[in-house]
Amino acid sequence: MVLQAFVDDSGSDPQSFAFVLGGFVARPPQWAAFTDEWERALHRPPRLEYFKNNEAMGLKDQFDRKRGWNEQRRNDRLVELAHVIRKHIPERFSVAMRHGDYKNYMHGIPVRRRMKTLEDPYFMLFHEFMLIVASVHSLEPKAVPCKFVFDDQGEVGRRARTWWPIFRKSMRNAAKFDFSPYFTGSPPDFEQDTEFKPLQAADLYAGQLNRVMASDRIAIAPSPALRTLWPISGYHRVLDYKYLAPLRDHFMRMAKKIEDETPGTLKHVLGKPTRKVR
């Protein structure tokens, strides 16, 4: 039976401290049982039609005070929802990157036009998340493929999705271990989190986790909802300078080789207005 992973993001605004992708992996029957109980938890008074973490934390829209919400009621509902996740879902995964690190190490790299996708850190987190899930599951005796569903990202998501054939091929040909059996043949889907309840669970996790990463100077304690999720078997990775510095060196070597062989080919620079590289 194929596994299903539902993934949402938090902190995509470059002004945020960190960008987080978080989500859960389970089998379809587990997701079905989760969905039924999640809906019942949403519909308790004050009733919610869907869950979005930014609305909950801002006490707005579905969590507006005029609808009967306050901080204590909000916190209690988040814990209740977290318990629903913990009851039904066996695995959580997350990957994060500080926007400052991405800017310091990835901006200024000359690239071909098709590589402009790297302008947004989502592209890197998107593929790293899937690789982490495959890596963890590779420890199991039998390979079970996983179908990935991400929250809709608009154009950046569509660009990331076009790299699926290349990504899956690289997992078979370039890696020391063949991870390709851990991915389904179809590329990831992108859906609306207001319509898919498993994505709402991922939104809760990503949003609460990103709050803990809000600053490298201020220690923020995990919320009660996040602490409720901790017992779920999980894996979290931060893509910091140890990951980004070698990657930058690799891209710069590639750029130098291309420019030496065909001068003027690389007309784009990550993080800068489009111009010809001299």
Foldseek 3Di string as FASTA:
>chain_A
DAKEKEKEWPDQPLVFFKIKIKIFIDHVVLLVQLVVVLQVLQCDPVHALAAAPVCLVVCDDSNPVVSVHDVVVSLVSLQVNLLSCVVRTQEMEMEMETSVQCCVQAFFFFDFPLVLLSLGCCLVRVLVRLVVVLVVCVVDPDAHAYAYEYADDPPSVVSSQVCVVVSLVCLCPVDPDNSNSRHDPHTHHHYHNSVRRSNSVNSSQNVQVSVCVRDPVDGDDRRSSNVSNVVRHYDYYYCGCVNRNVVSVVSNVVVVVVCVVPNQRRQQTRPDPGGTDD
